Amino acid sequence: MKNGFFKQTKETEEFSVITVAILGKKSDRRITDYLIRAFDGICPCLFLTPFGTVRTTDETSNGEVFDPLIIFWDSENAETNCIPDIILLKDSCESAAPLVKENTTVIFHSANRTHLETVQGMSIHAIACGPSERDTITFSSALAEQPVLCVQRSIHTLDGEEMEPFELPIETGSGWARYPLQCVFALLVLLGIPERIHCIFEKSILHSIQKNEIK
């Protein structure tokens, strides 16, 4: 599968930076950790987290110039002057209302009451993750080491492609979290790179990430 938004960006050399807010308690780190692993090696990204700043780069980066395509902001506080393009709600998120504006894309957990209260009645692009047949992103199988992620209805990616429903089996080993994995997968589908979900569980990528941490 082509690299969606990133392929288009490299071909045109024209882009605007995407801003993604990850809202919830700072101790709830799983979504951000998964995202760093997924984007390392494919895209220059800047992660602003409560525990420091992390950069990821693409495979051709020489380390001299860093122009991020995506800025991720991991915070407990939804009060800000910056309005993100996409909002990811952690299960621990208590309020996102100040950031949710018309046409914002919000990825949320359908089993979380606070999330439901946030998205109800809003003119937004909502992507529901959860266990039911009504959710956009779910698992068709949730085996401990080989779950199967499922897109149950079509999604339009950021570059305009319509992504039809499909399933994607992955090998995780052990110790993965359901909603954070679904949430990150939803964002990857939006960007046209769902196969990057495999990178979360590739141990070889961790050393590269650690080298890019900014103390």
C-alpha atoms as a PDB file:
ATOM      1  CA  MET A   1       0.000   0.000   0.000  1.00  0.00           C
ATOM      2  CA  LYS A   2       1.288   3.487  -0.805  1.00  0.00           C
ATOM      3  CA  ASN A   3       2.344   5.803   1.995  1.00  0.00           C
ATOM      4  CA  GLY A   4      -0.739   7.998   1.602  1.00  0.00           C
ATOM      5  CA  PHE A   5      -0.283  11.531   2.849  1.00  0.00           C
ATOM      6  CA  PHE A   6       3.492  11.145   3.124  1.00  0.00           C
ATOM      7  CA  LYS A   7       3.881   9.901  -0.454  1.00  0.00           C
ATOM      8  CA  GLN A   8       1.858  12.846  -1.729  1.00  0.00           C
ATOM      9  CA  THR A   9       3.897  15.276   0.377  1.00  0.00           C
ATOM     10  CA  LYS A  10       7.220  14.006  -0.947  1.00  0.00           C
ATOM     11  CA  GLU A  11       6.018  14.174  -4.549  1.00  0.00           C
ATOM     12  CA  THR A  12       4.625  17.722  -4.363  1.00  0.00           C
ATOM     13  CA  GLU A  13       7.020  19.151  -1.761  1.00  0.00           C
ATOM     14  CA  GLU A  14       4.080  21.204  -0.556  1.00  0.00           C
ATOM     15  CA  PHE A  15       2.540  20.599   2.828  1.00  0.00           C
ATOM     16  CA  SER A  16       1.087  22.201   5.899  1.00  0.00           C
ATOM     17  CA  VAL A  17       2.026  20.893   9.308  1.00  0.00           C
ATOM     18  CA  ILE A  18      -0.620  18.686  10.920  1.00  0.00           C
ATOM     19  CA  THR A  19      -1.241  19.238  14.627  1.00  0.00           C
ATOM     20  CA  VAL A  20      -2.497  16.365  16.765  1.00  0.00           C
ATOM     21  CA  ALA A  21      -3.577  16.751  20.399  1.00  0.00           C
ATOM     22  CA  ILE A  22      -3.407  13.698  22.671  1.00  0.00           C
ATOM     23  CA  LEU A  23      -5.522  14.526  25.706  1.00  0.00           C
ATOM     24  CA  GLY A  24      -5.521  12.789  29.083  1.00  0.00           C
ATOM     25  CA  LYS A  25      -3.493  12.225  32.226  1.00  0.00           C
ATOM     26  CA  LYS A  26       0.269  12.320  31.774  1.00  0.00           C
ATOM     27  CA  SER A  27       0.627   8.927  33.451  1.00  0.00           C
ATOM     28  CA  ASP A  28      -1.477   7.451  30.640  1.00  0.00           C
ATOM     29  CA  ARG A  29       1.375   7.102  28.129  1.00  0.00           C
ATOM     30  CA  ARG A  30       0.403   4.141  25.960  1.00  0.00           C
ATOM     31  CA  ILE A  31      -1.060   6.055  22.990  1.00  0.00           C
ATOM     32  CA  THR A  32       1.934   8.382  22.746  1.00  0.00           C
ATOM     33  CA  ASP A  33       4.400   5.504  23.082  1.00  0.00           C
ATOM     34  CA  TYR A  34       2.633   3.605  20.302  1.00  0.00           C
ATOM     35  CA  LEU A  35       2.639   6.682  18.048  1.00  0.00           C
ATOM     36  CA  ILE A  36       6.368   7.292  18.479  1.00  0.00           C
ATOM     37  CA  ARG A  37       7.112   3.719  17.469  1.00  0.00           C
ATOM     38  CA  ALA A  38       4.737   3.847  14.504  1.00  0.00           C
ATOM     39  CA  PHE A  39       6.134   7.071  13.032  1.00  0.00           C
ATOM     40  CA  ASP A  40       9.850   6.540  13.576  1.00  0.00           C
ATOM     41  CA  GLY A  41      11.519   5.900  10.219  1.00  0.00           C
ATOM     42  CA  ILE A  42       8.707   7.192   8.012  1.00  0.00           C
ATOM     43  CA  CYS A  43       8.031  10.780   8.988  1.00  0.00           C
ATOM     44  CA  PRO A  44       9.709  13.711  10.753  1.00  0.00           C
ATOM     45  CA  CYS A  45       7.478  14.337  13.756  1.00  0.00           C
ATOM     46  CA  LEU A  46       7.806  16.363  16.928  1.00  0.00           C
ATOM     47  CA  PHE A  47       6.282  14.910  20.100  1.00  0.00           C
ATOM     48  CA  LEU A  48       5.769  17.397  22.928  1.00  0.00           C
ATOM     49  CA  THR A  49       5.074  15.327  26.034  1.00  0.00           C
ATOM     50  CA  PRO A  50       5.031  15.887  29.822  1.00  0.00           C
ATOM     51  CA  PHE A  51       8.221  13.815  30.000  1.00  0.00           C
ATOM     52  CA  GLY A  52      10.218  15.667  27.355  1.00  0.00           C
ATOM     53  CA  THR A  53      10.418  16.133  23.610  1.00  0.00           C
ATOM     54  CA  VAL A  54      10.961  13.342  21.100  1.00  0.00           C
ATOM     55  CA  ARG A  55      11.772  13.628  17.409  1.00  0.00           C
ATOM     56  CA  THR A  56      11.185  10.969  14.797  1.00  0.00           C
ATOM     57  CA  THR A  57      12.717  11.127  11.326  1.00  0.00           C
ATOM     58  CA  ASP A  58      12.248   9.459   7.958  1.00  0.00           C
ATOM     59  CA  GLU A  59      14.669   6.965   6.437  1.00  0.00           C
ATOM     60  CA  THR A  60      16.432   9.599   4.300  1.00  0.00           C
ATOM     61  CA  SER A  61      17.057  12.140   7.051  1.00  0.00           C
ATOM     62  CA  ASN A  62      20.668  13.264   7.486  1.00  0.00           C
ATOM     63  CA  GLY A  63      20.007  14.830  10.876  1.00  0.00           C
ATOM     64  CA  GLU A  64      20.986  18.342   9.740  1.00  0.00           C
ATOM     65  CA  VAL A  65      17.526  19.706   8.923  1.00  0.00           C
ATOM     66  CA  PHE A  66      14.400  18.916  10.926  1.00  0.00           C
ATOM     67  CA  ASP A  67      11.086  20.088   9.478  1.00  0.00           C
ATOM     68  CA  PRO A  68       8.281  18.128  11.156  1.00  0.00           C
ATOM     69  CA  LEU A  69       5.245  17.143   9.114  1.00  0.00           C
ATOM     70  CA  ILE A  70       3.262  16.407  12.270  1.00  0.00           C
ATOM     71  CA  ILE A  71       3.413  17.979  15.723  1.00  0.00           C
ATOM     72  CA  PHE A  72       1.943  15.842  18.506  1.00  0.00           C
ATOM     73  CA  TRP A  73       0.993  17.557  21.749  1.00  0.00           C
ATOM     74  CA  ASP A  74       0.408  15.249  24.735  1.00  0.00           C
ATOM     75  CA  SER A  75      -1.256  17.152  27.575  1.00  0.00           C
ATOM     76  CA  GLU A  76      -3.741  16.997  30.431  1.00  0.00           C
ATOM     77  CA  ASN A  77      -4.831  20.569  29.706  1.00  0.00           C
ATOM     78  CA  ALA A  78      -7.343  21.311  26.947  1.00  0.00           C
ATOM     79  CA  GLU A  79      -7.112  25.069  27.523  1.00  0.00           C
ATOM     80  CA  THR A  80      -4.911  26.444  24.736  1.00  0.00           C
ATOM     81  CA  ASN A  81      -4.889  28.937  21.898  1.00  0.00           C
ATOM     82  CA  CYS A  82      -3.770  26.239  19.481  1.00  0.00           C
ATOM     83  CA  ILE A  83      -6.646  24.413  17.794  1.00  0.00           C
ATOM     84  CA  PRO A  84      -5.470  20.987  16.586  1.00  0.00           C
ATOM     85  CA  ASP A  85      -6.472  19.346  13.327  1.00  0.00           C
ATOM     86  CA  ILE A  86      -6.975  15.977  15.034  1.00  0.00           C
ATOM     87  CA  ILE A  87      -7.720  15.093  18.663  1.00  0.00           C
ATOM     88  CA  LEU A  88      -7.003  11.702  20.222  1.00  0.00           C
ATOM     89  CA  LEU A  89      -8.797  11.155  23.516  1.00  0.00           C
ATOM     90  CA  LYS A  90      -7.076   8.973  26.098  1.00  0.00           C
ATOM     91  CA  ASP A  91      -9.322   6.912  28.351  1.00  0.00           C
ATOM     92  CA  SER A  92      -8.169   9.200  31.173  1.00  0.00           C
ATOM     93  CA  CYS A  93      -9.294  12.385  29.382  1.00  0.00           C
ATOM     94  CA  GLU A  94     -11.665  14.378  31.600  1.00  0.00           C
ATOM     95  CA  SER A  95     -12.432  17.280  29.255  1.00  0.00           C
ATOM     96  CA  ALA A  96     -11.688  18.170  25.648  1.00  0.00           C
ATOM     97  CA  ALA A  97     -14.486  20.662  25.015  1.00  0.00           C
ATOM     98  CA  PRO A  98     -12.311  23.804  24.594  1.00  0.00           C
ATOM     99  CA  LEU A  99     -10.413  22.167  21.719  1.00  0.00           C
ATOM    100  CA  VAL A 100     -13.318  20.559  19.876  1.00  0.00           C
ATOM    101  CA  LYS A 101     -14.353  22.907  17.086  1.00  0.00           C
ATOM    102  CA  GLU A 102     -16.472  22.434  13.975  1.00  0.00           C
ATOM    103  CA  ASN A 103     -14.900  20.002  11.486  1.00  0.00           C
ATOM    104  CA  THR A 104     -12.253  18.833  13.966  1.00  0.00           C
ATOM    105  CA  THR A 105     -11.456  15.132  13.676  1.00  0.00           C
ATOM    106  CA  VAL A 106     -11.842  13.361  17.026  1.00  0.00           C
ATOM    107  CA  ILE A 107     -10.825   9.754  17.675  1.00  0.00           C
ATOM    108  CA  PHE A 108     -12.560   8.433  20.776  1.00  0.00           C
ATOM    109  CA  HIS A 109     -13.518   5.358  22.793  1.00  0.00           C
ATOM    110  CA  SER A 110     -17.210   4.543  22.392  1.00  0.00           C
ATOM    111  CA  ALA A 111     -17.282   2.777  25.775  1.00  0.00           C
ATOM    112  CA  ASN A 112     -16.071   5.906  27.600  1.00  0.00           C
ATOM    113  CA  ARG A 113     -18.936   8.098  28.849  1.00  0.00           C
ATOM    114  CA  THR A 114     -16.804  11.258  28.982  1.00  0.00           C
ATOM    115  CA  HIS A 115     -15.783  10.731  25.369  1.00  0.00           C
ATOM    116  CA  LEU A 116     -19.402  10.283  24.302  1.00  0.00           C
ATOM    117  CA  GLU A 117     -20.432  13.476  26.090  1.00  0.00           C
ATOM    118  CA  THR A 118     -17.625  15.324  24.311  1.00  0.00           C
ATOM    119  CA  VAL A 119     -18.620  14.327  20.775  1.00  0.00           C
ATOM    120  CA  GLN A 120     -22.420  14.278  21.082  1.00  0.00           C
ATOM    121  CA  GLY A 121     -24.176  17.110  19.281  1.00  0.00           C
ATOM    122  CA  MET A 122     -20.974  18.420  17.692  1.00  0.00           C
ATOM    123  CA  SER A 123     -20.424  18.988  13.953  1.00  0.00           C
ATOM    124  CA  ILE A 124     -17.161  17.068  13.894  1.00  0.00           C
ATOM    125  CA  HIS A 125     -15.538  14.151  12.126  1.00  0.00           C
ATOM    126  CA  ALA A 126     -15.782  11.468  14.820  1.00  0.00           C
ATOM    127  CA  ILE A 127     -14.086   8.087  14.570  1.00  0.00           C
ATOM    128  CA  ALA A 128     -15.366   5.655  17.188  1.00  0.00           C
ATOM    129  CA  CYS A 129     -13.143   2.876  18.501  1.00  0.00           C
ATOM    130  CA  GLY A 130     -14.596   0.067  20.573  1.00  0.00           C
ATOM    131  CA  PRO A 131     -16.009  -3.445  20.777  1.00  0.00           C
ATOM    132  CA  SER A 132     -19.330  -3.080  18.968  1.00  0.00           C
ATOM    133  CA  GLU A 133     -20.449  -3.496  15.361  1.00  0.00           C
ATOM    134  CA  ARG A 134     -21.351   0.220  15.324  1.00  0.00           C
ATOM    135  CA  ASP A 135     -17.752   1.340  15.889  1.00  0.00           C
ATOM    136  CA  THR A 136     -15.580   2.415  12.975  1.00  0.00           C
ATOM    137  CA  ILE A 137     -12.495   0.685  14.407  1.00  0.00           C
ATOM    138  CA  THR A 138     -12.725  -2.583  16.310  1.00  0.00           C
ATOM    139  CA  PHE A 139     -11.167  -6.033  16.607  1.00  0.00           C
ATOM    140  CA  SER A 140     -12.572  -8.907  14.595  1.00  0.00           C
ATOM    141  CA  SER A 141     -10.336 -11.117  16.738  1.00  0.00           C
ATOM    142  CA  ALA A 142      -8.585 -10.226  19.994  1.00  0.00           C
ATOM    143  CA  LEU A 143      -6.208 -13.139  20.507  1.00  0.00           C
ATOM    144  CA  ALA A 144      -3.460 -12.268  22.970  1.00  0.00           C
ATOM    145  CA  GLU A 145      -0.554 -12.450  20.506  1.00  0.00           C
ATOM    146  CA  GLN A 146      -2.300 -12.157  17.120  1.00  0.00           C
ATOM    147  CA  PRO A 147      -5.235  -9.731  17.220  1.00  0.00           C
ATOM    148  CA  VAL A 148      -6.994  -8.664  14.029  1.00  0.00           C
ATOM    149  CA  LEU A 149      -7.820  -4.972  13.689  1.00  0.00           C
ATOM    150  CA  CYS A 150     -10.903  -4.155  11.660  1.00  0.00           C
ATOM    151  CA  VAL A 151     -12.142  -1.047   9.844  1.00  0.00           C
ATOM    152  CA  GLN A 152     -15.902  -1.647   9.726  1.00  0.00           C
ATOM    153  CA  ARG A 153     -16.906   1.312   7.528  1.00  0.00           C
ATOM    154  CA  SER A 154     -15.139   3.386   4.915  1.00  0.00           C
ATOM    155  CA  ILE A 155     -12.905   6.275   5.998  1.00  0.00           C
ATOM    156  CA  HIS A 156     -11.693   9.156   3.864  1.00  0.00           C
ATOM    157  CA  THR A 157      -7.976   9.696   4.370  1.00  0.00           C
ATOM    158  CA  LEU A 158      -6.387  13.143   4.604  1.00  0.00           C
ATOM    159  CA  ASP A 159      -5.254  12.941   0.978  1.00  0.00           C
ATOM    160  CA  GLY A 160      -8.828  12.247  -0.175  1.00  0.00           C
ATOM    161  CA  GLU A 161      -8.627   8.498  -0.766  1.00  0.00           C
ATOM    162  CA  GLU A 162     -11.575   6.410   0.376  1.00  0.00           C
ATOM    163  CA  MET A 163     -10.356   3.537   2.526  1.00  0.00           C
ATOM    164  CA  GLU A 164     -12.839   0.681   2.246  1.00  0.00           C
ATOM    165  CA  PRO A 165     -13.526  -1.670   5.194  1.00  0.00           C
ATOM    166  CA  PHE A 166     -10.727  -4.174   5.744  1.00  0.00           C
ATOM    167  CA  GLU A 167      -9.050  -6.354   8.349  1.00  0.00           C
ATOM    168  CA  LEU A 168      -5.396  -6.322   9.359  1.00  0.00           C
ATOM    169  CA  PRO A 169      -3.891  -9.122  11.467  1.00  0.00           C
ATOM    170  CA  ILE A 170      -0.858  -8.175  13.545  1.00  0.00           C
ATOM    171  CA  GLU A 171       1.624  -9.969  15.784  1.00  0.00           C
ATOM    172  CA  THR A 172       1.983  -8.242  19.118  1.00  0.00           C
ATOM    173  CA  GLY A 173       3.684 -10.598  21.521  1.00  0.00           C
ATOM    174  CA  SER A 174       2.122  -9.782  24.883  1.00  0.00           C
ATOM    175  CA  GLY A 175       1.182  -6.733  26.918  1.00  0.00           C
ATOM    176  CA  TRP A 176      -0.781  -4.612  24.444  1.00  0.00           C
ATOM    177  CA  ALA A 177      -3.737  -2.355  25.251  1.00  0.00           C
ATOM    178  CA  ARG A 178      -6.972  -2.502  23.239  1.00  0.00           C
ATOM    179  CA  TYR A 179      -8.199   1.070  22.983  1.00  0.00           C
ATOM    180  CA  PRO A 180      -4.752   2.716  22.598  1.00  0.00           C
ATOM    181  CA  LEU A 181      -3.998   0.288  19.762  1.00  0.00           C
ATOM    182  CA  GLN A 182      -7.339   1.033  18.079  1.00  0.00           C
ATOM    183  CA  CYS A 183      -6.837   4.780  18.530  1.00  0.00           C
ATOM    184  CA  VAL A 184      -3.395   4.796  16.920  1.00  0.00           C
ATOM    185  CA  PHE A 185      -4.624   2.523  14.128  1.00  0.00           C
ATOM    186  CA  ALA A 186      -7.449   4.982  13.386  1.00  0.00           C
ATOM    187  CA  LEU A 187      -4.939   7.817  12.955  1.00  0.00           C
ATOM    188  CA  LEU A 188      -2.739   5.684  10.713  1.00  0.00           C
ATOM    189  CA  VAL A 189      -5.754   4.865   8.543  1.00  0.00           C
ATOM    190  CA  LEU A 190      -6.533   8.594   8.258  1.00  0.00           C
ATOM    191  CA  LEU A 191      -2.992   9.152   7.030  1.00  0.00           C
ATOM    192  CA  GLY A 192      -3.210   6.258   4.568  1.00  0.00           C
ATOM    193  CA  ILE A 193      -0.533   4.154   6.282  1.00  0.00           C
ATOM    194  CA  PRO A 194      -2.406   1.502   8.326  1.00  0.00           C
ATOM    195  CA  GLU A 195       0.394  -1.037   7.893  1.00  0.00           C
ATOM    196  CA  ARG A 196       2.640   1.069  10.160  1.00  0.00           C
ATOM    197  CA  ILE A 197       0.757  -0.452  13.099  1.00  0.00           C
ATOM    198  CA  HIS A 198       3.182  -3.389  12.817  1.00  0.00           C
ATOM    199  CA  CYS A 199       6.093  -1.111  13.776  1.00  0.00           C
ATOM    200  CA  ILE A 200       4.733  -0.664  17.296  1.00  0.00           C
ATOM    201  CA  PHE A 201       5.835  -4.169  18.162  1.00  0.00           C
ATOM    202  CA  GLU A 202       9.187  -4.245  16.365  1.00  0.00           C
ATOM    203  CA  LYS A 203      11.805  -4.257  19.113  1.00  0.00           C
ATOM    204  CA  SER A 204      14.516  -3.040  16.729  1.00  0.00           C
ATOM    205  CA  ILE A 205      12.865   0.363  16.473  1.00  0.00           C
ATOM    206  CA  LEU A 206      13.226   1.215  20.168  1.00  0.00           C
ATOM    207  CA  HIS A 207      16.961   1.947  19.991  1.00  0.00           C
ATOM    208  CA  SER A 208      16.391   4.444  17.173  1.00  0.00           C
ATOM    209  CA  ILE A 209      13.701   6.232  19.179  1.00  0.00           C
ATOM    210  CA  GLN A 210      15.901   6.507  22.259  1.00  0.00           C
ATOM    211  CA  LYS A 211      18.625   8.199  20.185  1.00  0.00           C
ATOM    212  CA  ASN A 212      16.170  10.900  19.095  1.00  0.00           C
ATOM    213  CA  GLU A 213      15.019  11.840  22.589  1.00  0.00           C
ATOM    214  CA  ILE A 214      15.797  15.438  23.522  1.00  0.00           C
ATOM    215  CA  LYS A 215      16.772  15.787  27.139  1.00  0.00           C
END
